[in-house]
Amino acid sequence: MKADQFKELLDKYLTGTATEEERKIIDLWYSSYGDDDCKDLPLAAAAENEPQIKRLNLKPYYKYAAIIAMLIPALFFTRSIFKKSEKTNIIAEIYDTYSTTSESKRITLSDRSIIHLSPNSVLKVASSFGKSQQREVYLDGGEAFFEVTKDPEHPFIVHAGQINTKVLGTKFAITTSAKGLTEVSVSEGKVAVGDSKNTFDVLLPGKKLSYRPANNKWKVEDFATRDHNLWAGQTINLNHASFRELKNHIKTIYGVRIFSRNPKTAAYTYNMRIRSSRSLDKTLKIICSIHDNKYRRTSNGIEIY
């Protein structure tokens, strides 16, 4: 509304000649301000003693009306900005993001829970972790093994893709794939697995649930807990292992492919220990020292030659 139009409308309101619709417009505008905001506005004094409205000197109010009319858009704009800012602050959450490439990573949370993040994985933990009713983390890709500190009053929830895994204190692993397949396997305790609406199943040690979001189907099967996540802070002992066995273990622990064009490697055997806590380069140097080889990184992986 332009300043002259608002001045005319305010004049009619103060002189008692405004229509019911026009009075509603002024009342609506006036009520949008708090008591502290509008105590100095011309309507404040007039509203307290309405019978005296016709005897008021209206000329000073014209000046106020013009100023107010020009300020209205600015006031509404400012209010809009503050409201938007407040809403954004409520919704926004800050996350600590952990990612790995060729080596695993051990993460200790504020509640002393331990997460072993496998190679080529991404995990997000809210900065508010441990300060709310639920302890929540997000596995955005890859694989992680969890050792959760028991706290019945604060459930630990892992969000991975479309499924949620809820525990109180246990050891379990979650694996996600690029094709959308998510697997949850339990080695200690029990966990409840489901989506935002339903619980699929409650898993006990030695059970693994596989979920495919494409058809919203899942299945539960047994697995050997002794082989559960060997990459997570453990040691693999190789005794006369073939090159094929070696490269499979390297892929599991470090998430990289090793290969060789040398036909002699088919006859190689390896006696060594592979520790997930050891860097990839140190492990490769040990591998190459056994048969006097070298290694180099290529677009297809790491070549032993």
C-alpha atoms as a PDB file:
ATOM      1  CA  MET A   1       0.000   0.000   0.000  1.00  0.00           C
ATOM      2  CA  LYS A   2       1.305   3.444  -0.929  1.00  0.00           C
ATOM      3  CA  ALA A   3       1.916   6.139   1.706  1.00  0.00           C
ATOM      4  CA  ASP A   4      -0.919   8.436   0.578  1.00  0.00           C
ATOM      5  CA  GLN A   5      -3.385   5.539   0.511  1.00  0.00           C
ATOM      6  CA  PHE A   6      -2.379   4.446   3.979  1.00  0.00           C
ATOM      7  CA  LYS A   7      -2.641   8.045   5.255  1.00  0.00           C
ATOM      8  CA  GLU A   8      -6.159   8.313   3.871  1.00  0.00           C
ATOM      9  CA  LEU A   9      -7.163   5.000   5.408  1.00  0.00           C
ATOM     10  CA  LEU A  10      -5.695   5.970   8.782  1.00  0.00           C
ATOM     11  CA  ASP A  11      -7.525   9.322   8.613  1.00  0.00           C
ATOM     12  CA  LYS A  12     -10.847   7.562   8.075  1.00  0.00           C
ATOM     13  CA  TYR A  13     -10.094   5.142  10.913  1.00  0.00           C
ATOM     14  CA  LEU A  14      -9.314   7.931  13.393  1.00  0.00           C
ATOM     15  CA  THR A  15     -12.343  10.003  12.416  1.00  0.00           C
ATOM     16  CA  GLY A  16     -14.674   7.027  12.631  1.00  0.00           C
ATOM     17  CA  THR A  17     -15.664   7.107   8.954  1.00  0.00           C
ATOM     18  CA  ALA A  18     -13.848   3.905   7.901  1.00  0.00           C
ATOM     19  CA  THR A  19     -15.888   0.964   6.691  1.00  0.00           C
ATOM     20  CA  GLU A  20     -15.870  -2.346   8.533  1.00  0.00           C
ATOM     21  CA  GLU A  21     -13.460  -3.794   5.963  1.00  0.00           C
ATOM     22  CA  GLU A  22     -11.121  -0.797   6.259  1.00  0.00           C
ATOM     23  CA  ARG A  23     -11.153  -1.014  10.056  1.00  0.00           C
ATOM     24  CA  LYS A  24     -10.190  -4.699   9.803  1.00  0.00           C
ATOM     25  CA  ILE A  25      -7.177  -3.765   7.672  1.00  0.00           C
ATOM     26  CA  ILE A  26      -5.937  -1.247  10.256  1.00  0.00           C
ATOM     27  CA  ASP A  27      -6.710  -3.583  13.167  1.00  0.00           C
ATOM     28  CA  LEU A  28      -4.826  -6.426  11.488  1.00  0.00           C
ATOM     29  CA  TRP A  29      -1.807  -4.206  10.839  1.00  0.00           C
ATOM     30  CA  TYR A  30      -1.898  -2.806  14.377  1.00  0.00           C
ATOM     31  CA  SER A  31      -2.207  -6.245  16.034  1.00  0.00           C
ATOM     32  CA  SER A  32       0.871  -7.524  14.166  1.00  0.00           C
ATOM     33  CA  TYR A  33       3.049  -5.493  16.548  1.00  0.00           C
ATOM     34  CA  GLY A  34       3.756  -6.305  20.170  1.00  0.00           C
ATOM     35  CA  ASP A  35       2.904  -3.985  23.019  1.00  0.00           C
ATOM     36  CA  ASP A  36       6.445  -2.626  23.183  1.00  0.00           C
ATOM     37  CA  ASP A  37       6.560  -2.087  19.428  1.00  0.00           C
ATOM     38  CA  CYS A  38       3.368  -0.064  19.141  1.00  0.00           C
ATOM     39  CA  LYS A  39       3.149   1.951  22.366  1.00  0.00           C
ATOM     40  CA  ASP A  40       4.314   5.090  20.529  1.00  0.00           C
ATOM     41  CA  LEU A  41       2.107   4.632  17.445  1.00  0.00           C
ATOM     42  CA  PRO A  42      -0.816   7.062  16.992  1.00  0.00           C
ATOM     43  CA  LEU A  43      -3.428   4.342  17.312  1.00  0.00           C
ATOM     44  CA  ALA A  44      -2.191   3.361  20.771  1.00  0.00           C
ATOM     45  CA  ALA A  45      -3.452   6.508  22.433  1.00  0.00           C
ATOM     46  CA  ALA A  46      -6.593   6.632  20.339  1.00  0.00           C
ATOM     47  CA  ALA A  47      -7.534   3.027  21.054  1.00  0.00           C
ATOM     48  CA  GLU A  48      -7.418   3.579  24.820  1.00  0.00           C
ATOM     49  CA  ASN A  49     -10.007   6.364  24.664  1.00  0.00           C
ATOM     50  CA  GLU A  50     -12.068   5.790  21.547  1.00  0.00           C
ATOM     51  CA  PRO A  51     -14.840   8.352  22.339  1.00  0.00           C
ATOM     52  CA  GLN A  52     -12.246  11.130  22.057  1.00  0.00           C
ATOM     53  CA  ILE A  53     -11.131  10.083  18.579  1.00  0.00           C
ATOM     54  CA  LYS A  54     -13.072  12.803  16.781  1.00  0.00           C
ATOM     55  CA  ARG A  55     -11.545  15.563  18.944  1.00  0.00           C
ATOM     56  CA  LEU A  56      -7.947  14.510  18.245  1.00  0.00           C
ATOM     57  CA  ASN A  57      -5.656  16.784  16.277  1.00  0.00           C
ATOM     58  CA  LEU A  58      -5.044  14.611  13.216  1.00  0.00           C
ATOM     59  CA  LYS A  59      -2.314  16.595  11.484  1.00  0.00           C
ATOM     60  CA  PRO A  60       0.587  15.110  13.479  1.00  0.00           C
ATOM     61  CA  TYR A  61      -0.682  11.627  12.643  1.00  0.00           C
ATOM     62  CA  TYR A  62      -0.432  12.256   8.921  1.00  0.00           C
ATOM     63  CA  LYS A  63       3.289  12.628   9.331  1.00  0.00           C
ATOM     64  CA  TYR A  64       3.451   9.417  11.364  1.00  0.00           C
ATOM     65  CA  ALA A  65       1.260   7.608   8.873  1.00  0.00           C
ATOM     66  CA  ALA A  66       3.524   8.503   5.971  1.00  0.00           C
ATOM     67  CA  ILE A  67       6.595   7.373   7.876  1.00  0.00           C
ATOM     68  CA  ILE A  68       4.908   4.161   9.018  1.00  0.00           C
ATOM     69  CA  ALA A  69       3.707   3.380   5.511  1.00  0.00           C
ATOM     70  CA  MET A  70       7.262   3.594   4.245  1.00  0.00           C
ATOM     71  CA  LEU A  71       8.577   1.520   7.131  1.00  0.00           C
ATOM     72  CA  ILE A  72       6.036  -1.312   6.817  1.00  0.00           C
ATOM     73  CA  PRO A  73       7.781  -3.126   3.928  1.00  0.00           C
ATOM     74  CA  ALA A  74      11.132  -2.840   5.691  1.00  0.00           C
ATOM     75  CA  LEU A  75       9.690  -4.093   8.975  1.00  0.00           C
ATOM     76  CA  PHE A  76       7.973  -7.052   7.324  1.00  0.00           C
ATOM     77  CA  PHE A  77      11.144  -7.862   5.355  1.00  0.00           C
ATOM     78  CA  THR A  78      13.262  -7.742   8.512  1.00  0.00           C
ATOM     79  CA  ARG A  79      10.812  -9.965  10.370  1.00  0.00           C
ATOM     80  CA  SER A  80      10.838 -12.423   7.495  1.00  0.00           C
ATOM     81  CA  ILE A  81      14.638 -12.582   7.530  1.00  0.00           C
ATOM     82  CA  PHE A  82      14.773 -13.199  11.283  1.00  0.00           C
ATOM     83  CA  LYS A  83      12.078 -15.876  11.137  1.00  0.00           C
ATOM     84  CA  LYS A  84      13.865 -17.619   8.284  1.00  0.00           C
ATOM     85  CA  SER A  85      17.147 -17.418  10.158  1.00  0.00           C
ATOM     86  CA  GLU A  86      15.585 -18.875  13.308  1.00  0.00           C
ATOM     87  CA  LYS A  87      14.044 -21.729  11.327  1.00  0.00           C
ATOM     88  CA  THR A  88      17.344 -22.471   9.617  1.00  0.00           C
ATOM     89  CA  ASN A  89      19.182 -22.589  12.933  1.00  0.00           C
ATOM     90  CA  ILE A  90      16.683 -25.089  14.289  1.00  0.00           C
ATOM     91  CA  ILE A  91      16.893 -27.425  11.301  1.00  0.00           C
ATOM     92  CA  ALA A  92      20.627 -27.183  10.631  1.00  0.00           C
ATOM     93  CA  GLU A  93      22.863 -29.756  12.272  1.00  0.00           C
ATOM     94  CA  ILE A  94      26.642 -29.882  12.215  1.00  0.00           C
ATOM     95  CA  TYR A  95      28.262 -33.242  11.531  1.00  0.00           C
ATOM     96  CA  ASP A  96      31.757 -34.593  11.980  1.00  0.00           C
ATOM     97  CA  THR A  97      32.501 -36.583   8.837  1.00  0.00           C
ATOM     98  CA  TYR A  98      34.977 -39.463   8.806  1.00  0.00           C
ATOM     99  CA  SER A  99      36.092 -41.007   5.533  1.00  0.00           C
ATOM    100  CA  THR A 100      38.665 -43.583   4.509  1.00  0.00           C
ATOM    101  CA  THR A 101      40.421 -44.477   1.272  1.00  0.00           C
ATOM    102  CA  SER A 102      42.942 -47.316   1.316  1.00  0.00           C
ATOM    103  CA  GLU A 103      43.171 -47.834   5.074  1.00  0.00           C
ATOM    104  CA  SER A 104      40.732 -48.502   7.891  1.00  0.00           C
ATOM    105  CA  LYS A 105      40.164 -46.011  10.694  1.00  0.00           C
ATOM    106  CA  ARG A 106      39.336 -46.435  14.377  1.00  0.00           C
ATOM    107  CA  ILE A 107      36.937 -43.853  15.811  1.00  0.00           C
ATOM    108  CA  THR A 108      36.212 -43.445  19.522  1.00  0.00           C
ATOM    109  CA  LEU A 109      33.011 -41.559  20.312  1.00  0.00           C
ATOM    110  CA  SER A 110      32.280 -39.442  23.374  1.00  0.00           C
ATOM    111  CA  ASP A 111      30.381 -42.342  25.020  1.00  0.00           C
ATOM    112  CA  ARG A 112      33.460 -44.572  24.533  1.00  0.00           C
ATOM    113  CA  SER A 113      31.810 -46.582  21.780  1.00  0.00           C
ATOM    114  CA  ILE A 114      34.320 -47.647  19.134  1.00  0.00           C
ATOM    115  CA  ILE A 115      33.712 -47.675  15.392  1.00  0.00           C
ATOM    116  CA  HIS A 116      36.087 -49.389  12.980  1.00  0.00           C
ATOM    117  CA  LEU A 117      35.574 -47.783   9.587  1.00  0.00           C
ATOM    118  CA  SER A 118      36.689 -49.964   6.689  1.00  0.00           C
ATOM    119  CA  PRO A 119      38.489 -48.615   3.598  1.00  0.00           C
ATOM    120  CA  ASN A 120      36.407 -46.563   1.142  1.00  0.00           C
ATOM    121  CA  SER A 121      33.741 -45.724   3.719  1.00  0.00           C
ATOM    122  CA  VAL A 122      32.042 -42.576   5.030  1.00  0.00           C
ATOM    123  CA  LEU A 123      30.574 -42.044   8.498  1.00  0.00           C
ATOM    124  CA  LYS A 124      28.845 -38.952   9.905  1.00  0.00           C
ATOM    125  CA  VAL A 125      28.391 -38.184  13.602  1.00  0.00           C
ATOM    126  CA  ALA A 126      26.281 -35.242  14.758  1.00  0.00           C
ATOM    127  CA  SER A 127      28.124 -32.712  16.906  1.00  0.00           C
ATOM    128  CA  SER A 128      25.280 -33.113  19.417  1.00  0.00           C
ATOM    129  CA  PHE A 129      26.055 -36.834  19.838  1.00  0.00           C
ATOM    130  CA  GLY A 130      25.694 -37.892  23.470  1.00  0.00           C
ATOM    131  CA  LYS A 131      23.668 -34.813  24.404  1.00  0.00           C
ATOM    132  CA  SER A 132      20.231 -36.075  23.369  1.00  0.00           C
ATOM    133  CA  GLN A 133      18.001 -39.036  24.194  1.00  0.00           C
ATOM    134  CA  GLN A 134      19.361 -41.148  21.324  1.00  0.00           C
ATOM    135  CA  ARG A 135      22.905 -41.729  20.104  1.00  0.00           C
ATOM    136  CA  GLU A 136      22.738 -41.528  16.309  1.00  0.00           C
ATOM    137  CA  VAL A 137      25.334 -41.951  13.563  1.00  0.00           C
ATOM    138  CA  TYR A 138      25.042 -42.196   9.774  1.00  0.00           C
ATOM    139  CA  LEU A 139      26.910 -44.664   7.561  1.00  0.00           C
ATOM    140  CA  ASP A 140      26.805 -42.999   4.142  1.00  0.00           C
ATOM    141  CA  GLY A 141      28.750 -45.715   2.352  1.00  0.00           C
ATOM    142  CA  GLY A 142      31.101 -48.644   2.830  1.00  0.00           C
ATOM    143  CA  GLU A 143      31.370 -50.792   5.926  1.00  0.00           C
ATOM    144  CA  ALA A 144      31.787 -50.271   9.657  1.00  0.00           C
ATOM    145  CA  PHE A 145      32.134 -52.499  12.702  1.00  0.00           C
ATOM    146  CA  PHE A 146      30.603 -51.154  15.922  1.00  0.00           C
ATOM    147  CA  GLU A 147      31.503 -51.846  19.550  1.00  0.00           C
ATOM    148  CA  VAL A 148      28.753 -49.983  21.372  1.00  0.00           C
ATOM    149  CA  THR A 149      29.007 -48.965  25.015  1.00  0.00           C
ATOM    150  CA  LYS A 150      25.971 -50.154  26.957  1.00  0.00           C
ATOM    151  CA  ASP A 151      23.539 -47.408  27.941  1.00  0.00           C
ATOM    152  CA  PRO A 152      19.903 -48.616  28.147  1.00  0.00           C
ATOM    153  CA  GLU A 153      18.590 -45.077  28.604  1.00  0.00           C
ATOM    154  CA  HIS A 154      20.218 -43.839  25.386  1.00  0.00           C
ATOM    155  CA  PRO A 155      19.741 -46.258  22.459  1.00  0.00           C
ATOM    156  CA  PHE A 156      22.442 -46.296  19.787  1.00  0.00           C
ATOM    157  CA  ILE A 157      21.021 -45.977  16.259  1.00  0.00           C
ATOM    158  CA  VAL A 158      22.882 -46.373  12.970  1.00  0.00           C
ATOM    159  CA  HIS A 159      21.209 -44.966   9.851  1.00  0.00           C
ATOM    160  CA  ALA A 160      22.412 -46.667   6.666  1.00  0.00           C
ATOM    161  CA  GLY A 161      20.490 -46.067   3.473  1.00  0.00           C
ATOM    162  CA  GLN A 162      16.817 -46.737   4.136  1.00  0.00           C
ATOM    163  CA  ILE A 163      17.267 -48.921   7.204  1.00  0.00           C
ATOM    164  CA  ASN A 164      17.936 -48.150  10.850  1.00  0.00           C
ATOM    165  CA  THR A 165      19.740 -50.415  13.302  1.00  0.00           C
ATOM    166  CA  LYS A 166      18.945 -49.887  16.985  1.00  0.00           C
ATOM    167  CA  VAL A 167      21.032 -51.332  19.820  1.00  0.00           C
ATOM    168  CA  LEU A 168      21.696 -50.808  23.511  1.00  0.00           C
ATOM    169  CA  GLY A 169      25.176 -52.316  23.677  1.00  0.00           C
ATOM    170  CA  THR A 170      26.683 -54.922  21.388  1.00  0.00           C
ATOM    171  CA  LYS A 171      29.105 -55.704  18.553  1.00  0.00           C
ATOM    172  CA  PHE A 172      27.818 -55.699  15.014  1.00  0.00           C
ATOM    173  CA  ALA A 173      28.708 -54.662  11.478  1.00  0.00           C
ATOM    174  CA  ILE A 174      26.885 -52.833   8.704  1.00  0.00           C
ATOM    175  CA  THR A 175      27.867 -53.043   5.051  1.00  0.00           C
ATOM    176  CA  THR A 176      26.420 -50.972   2.213  1.00  0.00           C
ATOM    177  CA  SER A 177      27.006 -51.349  -1.511  1.00  0.00           C
ATOM    178  CA  ALA A 178      26.716 -49.047  -4.505  1.00  0.00           C
ATOM    179  CA  LYS A 179      23.755 -51.129  -5.721  1.00  0.00           C
ATOM    180  CA  GLY A 180      21.810 -50.341  -2.546  1.00  0.00           C
ATOM    181  CA  LEU A 181      22.241 -53.667  -0.729  1.00  0.00           C
ATOM    182  CA  THR A 182      22.628 -53.225   3.037  1.00  0.00           C
ATOM    183  CA  GLU A 183      23.750 -56.005   5.384  1.00  0.00           C
ATOM    184  CA  VAL A 184      23.673 -56.040   9.176  1.00  0.00           C
ATOM    185  CA  SER A 185      25.515 -58.834  11.010  1.00  0.00           C
ATOM    186  CA  VAL A 186      25.781 -59.396  14.763  1.00  0.00           C
ATOM    187  CA  SER A 187      28.602 -61.011  16.729  1.00  0.00           C
ATOM    188  CA  GLU A 188      27.506 -60.051  20.278  1.00  0.00           C
ATOM    189  CA  GLY A 189      24.253 -58.927  21.896  1.00  0.00           C
ATOM    190  CA  LYS A 190      21.187 -58.248  19.775  1.00  0.00           C
ATOM    191  CA  VAL A 191      20.015 -55.496  17.442  1.00  0.00           C
ATOM    192  CA  ALA A 192      16.689 -54.445  15.944  1.00  0.00           C
ATOM    193  CA  VAL A 193      16.742 -53.694  12.214  1.00  0.00           C
ATOM    194  CA  GLY A 194      14.028 -51.893  10.261  1.00  0.00           C
ATOM    195  CA  ASP A 195      13.041 -48.798   8.337  1.00  0.00           C
ATOM    196  CA  SER A 196      11.283 -45.629   9.504  1.00  0.00           C
ATOM    197  CA  LYS A 197       7.947 -47.475   9.815  1.00  0.00           C
ATOM    198  CA  ASN A 198       8.554 -51.115  10.727  1.00  0.00           C
ATOM    199  CA  THR A 199      11.013 -53.418  12.473  1.00  0.00           C
ATOM    200  CA  PHE A 200      12.153 -56.149  10.094  1.00  0.00           C
ATOM    201  CA  ASP A 201      13.725 -58.467  12.642  1.00  0.00           C
ATOM    202  CA  VAL A 202      15.718 -58.672  15.873  1.00  0.00           C
ATOM    203  CA  LEU A 203      19.117 -60.259  15.223  1.00  0.00           C
ATOM    204  CA  LEU A 204      21.060 -62.428  17.656  1.00  0.00           C
ATOM    205  CA  PRO A 205      24.773 -63.379  17.408  1.00  0.00           C
ATOM    206  CA  GLY A 206      25.560 -65.315  14.244  1.00  0.00           C
ATOM    207  CA  LYS A 207      22.665 -63.794  12.286  1.00  0.00           C
ATOM    208  CA  LYS A 208      22.871 -61.503   9.269  1.00  0.00           C
ATOM    209  CA  LEU A 209      20.063 -59.510   7.646  1.00  0.00           C
ATOM    210  CA  SER A 210      20.314 -58.451   3.993  1.00  0.00           C
ATOM    211  CA  TYR A 211      17.992 -55.724   2.684  1.00  0.00           C
ATOM    212  CA  ARG A 212      17.341 -54.687  -0.923  1.00  0.00           C
ATOM    213  CA  PRO A 213      15.518 -51.336  -1.223  1.00  0.00           C
ATOM    214  CA  ALA A 214      14.663 -51.911  -4.893  1.00  0.00           C
ATOM    215  CA  ASN A 215      11.975 -54.438  -3.965  1.00  0.00           C
ATOM    216  CA  ASN A 216      11.791 -53.719  -0.216  1.00  0.00           C
ATOM    217  CA  LYS A 217      12.747 -57.329   0.561  1.00  0.00           C
ATOM    218  CA  TRP A 218      15.002 -58.688   3.277  1.00  0.00           C
ATOM    219  CA  LYS A 219      16.241 -62.065   4.438  1.00  0.00           C
ATOM    220  CA  VAL A 220      18.007 -63.385   7.527  1.00  0.00           C
ATOM    221  CA  GLU A 221      20.712 -66.049   7.390  1.00  0.00           C
ATOM    222  CA  ASP A 222      23.517 -67.524   9.488  1.00  0.00           C
ATOM    223  CA  PHE A 223      27.180 -66.551   9.237  1.00  0.00           C
ATOM    224  CA  ALA A 224      30.412 -67.576  10.978  1.00  0.00           C
ATOM    225  CA  THR A 225      31.125 -65.102  13.785  1.00  0.00           C
ATOM    226  CA  ARG A 226      34.777 -66.221  13.972  1.00  0.00           C
ATOM    227  CA  ASP A 227      35.342 -64.617  10.566  1.00  0.00           C
ATOM    228  CA  HIS A 228      33.384 -61.503  11.445  1.00  0.00           C
ATOM    229  CA  ASN A 229      35.132 -58.386  10.142  1.00  0.00           C
ATOM    230  CA  LEU A 230      38.717 -59.577  10.306  1.00  0.00           C
ATOM    231  CA  TRP A 231      39.773 -56.168   9.024  1.00  0.00           C
ATOM    232  CA  ALA A 232      38.485 -54.418  12.163  1.00  0.00           C
ATOM    233  CA  GLY A 233      41.545 -54.143  14.347  1.00  0.00           C
ATOM    234  CA  GLN A 234      42.542 -57.774  14.000  1.00  0.00           C
ATOM    235  CA  THR A 235      45.392 -59.825  12.569  1.00  0.00           C
ATOM    236  CA  ILE A 236      45.255 -62.318   9.717  1.00  0.00           C
ATOM    237  CA  ASN A 237      47.874 -65.059   9.783  1.00  0.00           C
ATOM    238  CA  LEU A 238      48.836 -66.437   6.380  1.00  0.00           C
ATOM    239  CA  ASN A 239      50.443 -69.875   6.285  1.00  0.00           C
ATOM    240  CA  HIS A 240      51.587 -70.965   2.820  1.00  0.00           C
ATOM    241  CA  ALA A 241      48.846 -68.788   1.336  1.00  0.00           C
ATOM    242  CA  SER A 242      48.642 -68.424  -2.434  1.00  0.00           C
ATOM    243  CA  PHE A 243      48.823 -65.090  -4.238  1.00  0.00           C
ATOM    244  CA  ARG A 244      45.064 -65.363  -4.857  1.00  0.00           C
ATOM    245  CA  GLU A 245      44.409 -65.707  -1.113  1.00  0.00           C
ATOM    246  CA  LEU A 246      46.758 -62.832  -0.397  1.00  0.00           C
ATOM    247  CA  LYS A 247      45.058 -60.430  -2.778  1.00  0.00           C
ATOM    248  CA  ASN A 248      41.628 -61.339  -1.383  1.00  0.00           C
ATOM    249  CA  HIS A 249      42.767 -60.431   2.135  1.00  0.00           C
ATOM    250  CA  ILE A 250      44.346 -57.178   0.927  1.00  0.00           C
ATOM    251  CA  LYS A 251      41.084 -56.275  -0.773  1.00  0.00           C
ATOM    252  CA  THR A 252      39.134 -56.987   2.429  1.00  0.00           C
ATOM    253  CA  ILE A 253      41.416 -55.069   4.779  1.00  0.00           C
ATOM    254  CA  TYR A 254      42.568 -52.148   2.637  1.00  0.00           C
ATOM    255  CA  GLY A 255      39.890 -51.970  -0.033  1.00  0.00           C
ATOM    256  CA  VAL A 256      42.397 -52.026  -2.906  1.00  0.00           C
ATOM    257  CA  ARG A 257      43.138 -54.519  -5.657  1.00  0.00           C
ATOM    258  CA  ILE A 258      46.594 -56.002  -6.113  1.00  0.00           C
ATOM    259  CA  PHE A 259      47.553 -57.942  -9.227  1.00  0.00           C
ATOM    260  CA  SER A 260      50.564 -59.205 -11.123  1.00  0.00           C
ATOM    261  CA  ARG A 261      51.375 -59.905 -14.759  1.00  0.00           C
ATOM    262  CA  ASN A 262      54.306 -62.068 -13.713  1.00  0.00           C
ATOM    263  CA  PRO A 263      53.344 -65.737 -14.298  1.00  0.00           C
ATOM    264  CA  LYS A 264      55.637 -66.800 -11.453  1.00  0.00           C
ATOM    265  CA  THR A 265      53.264 -65.323  -8.869  1.00  0.00           C
ATOM    266  CA  ALA A 266      50.888 -68.256  -9.448  1.00  0.00           C
ATOM    267  CA  ALA A 267      53.413 -70.459  -7.642  1.00  0.00           C
ATOM    268  CA  TYR A 268      54.234 -67.987  -4.859  1.00  0.00           C
ATOM    269  CA  THR A 269      53.282 -68.770  -1.260  1.00  0.00           C
ATOM    270  CA  TYR A 270      53.211 -66.329   1.640  1.00  0.00           C
ATOM    271  CA  ASN A 271      53.851 -66.768   5.356  1.00  0.00           C
ATOM    272  CA  MET A 272      53.108 -63.478   7.076  1.00  0.00           C
ATOM    273  CA  ARG A 273      50.769 -61.529   9.312  1.00  0.00           C
ATOM    274  CA  ILE A 274      48.503 -58.815   7.966  1.00  0.00           C
ATOM    275  CA  ARG A 275      47.480 -56.250  10.565  1.00  0.00           C
ATOM    276  CA  SER A 276      44.742 -53.765   9.800  1.00  0.00           C
ATOM    277  CA  SER A 277      46.534 -51.238  12.020  1.00  0.00           C
ATOM    278  CA  ARG A 278      49.552 -51.327   9.700  1.00  0.00           C
ATOM    279  CA  SER A 279      49.636 -48.918   6.758  1.00  0.00           C
ATOM    280  CA  LEU A 280      49.106 -50.253   3.253  1.00  0.00           C
ATOM    281  CA  ASP A 281      52.574 -49.205   2.099  1.00  0.00           C
ATOM    282  CA  LYS A 282      54.270 -51.051   4.954  1.00  0.00           C
ATOM    283  CA  THR A 283      52.266 -54.183   4.186  1.00  0.00           C
ATOM    284  CA  LEU A 284      53.151 -53.973   0.485  1.00  0.00           C
ATOM    285  CA  LYS A 285      56.849 -53.665   1.321  1.00  0.00           C
ATOM    286  CA  ILE A 286      56.636 -56.826   3.434  1.00  0.00           C
ATOM    287  CA  ILE A 287      54.832 -58.679   0.629  1.00  0.00           C
ATOM    288  CA  CYS A 288      57.438 -57.649  -1.937  1.00  0.00           C
ATOM    289  CA  SER A 289      60.357 -58.556   0.340  1.00  0.00           C
ATOM    290  CA  ILE A 290      59.261 -62.206   0.460  1.00  0.00           C
ATOM    291  CA  HIS A 291      59.922 -62.865  -3.241  1.00  0.00           C
ATOM    292  CA  ASP A 292      62.102 -59.862  -4.031  1.00  0.00           C
ATOM    293  CA  ASN A 293      59.376 -57.977  -5.905  1.00  0.00           C
ATOM    294  CA  LYS A 294      58.420 -54.324  -6.260  1.00  0.00           C
ATOM    295  CA  TYR A 295      55.056 -52.584  -6.463  1.00  0.00           C
ATOM    296  CA  ARG A 296      53.555 -49.600  -8.235  1.00  0.00           C
ATOM    297  CA  ARG A 297      50.177 -47.917  -8.328  1.00  0.00           C
ATOM    298  CA  THR A 298      48.243 -48.019 -11.601  1.00  0.00           C
ATOM    299  CA  SER A 299      44.754 -47.084 -12.746  1.00  0.00           C
ATOM    300  CA  ASN A 300      43.733 -50.741 -12.287  1.00  0.00           C
ATOM    301  CA  GLY A 301      45.100 -51.116  -8.765  1.00  0.00           C
ATOM    302  CA  ILE A 302      48.512 -51.970  -7.330  1.00  0.00           C
ATOM    303  CA  GLU A 303      50.765 -54.091  -9.493  1.00  0.00           C
ATOM    304  CA  ILE A 304      53.318 -56.472  -8.004  1.00  0.00           C
ATOM    305  CA  TYR A 305      56.205 -56.966 -10.459  1.00  0.00           C
END
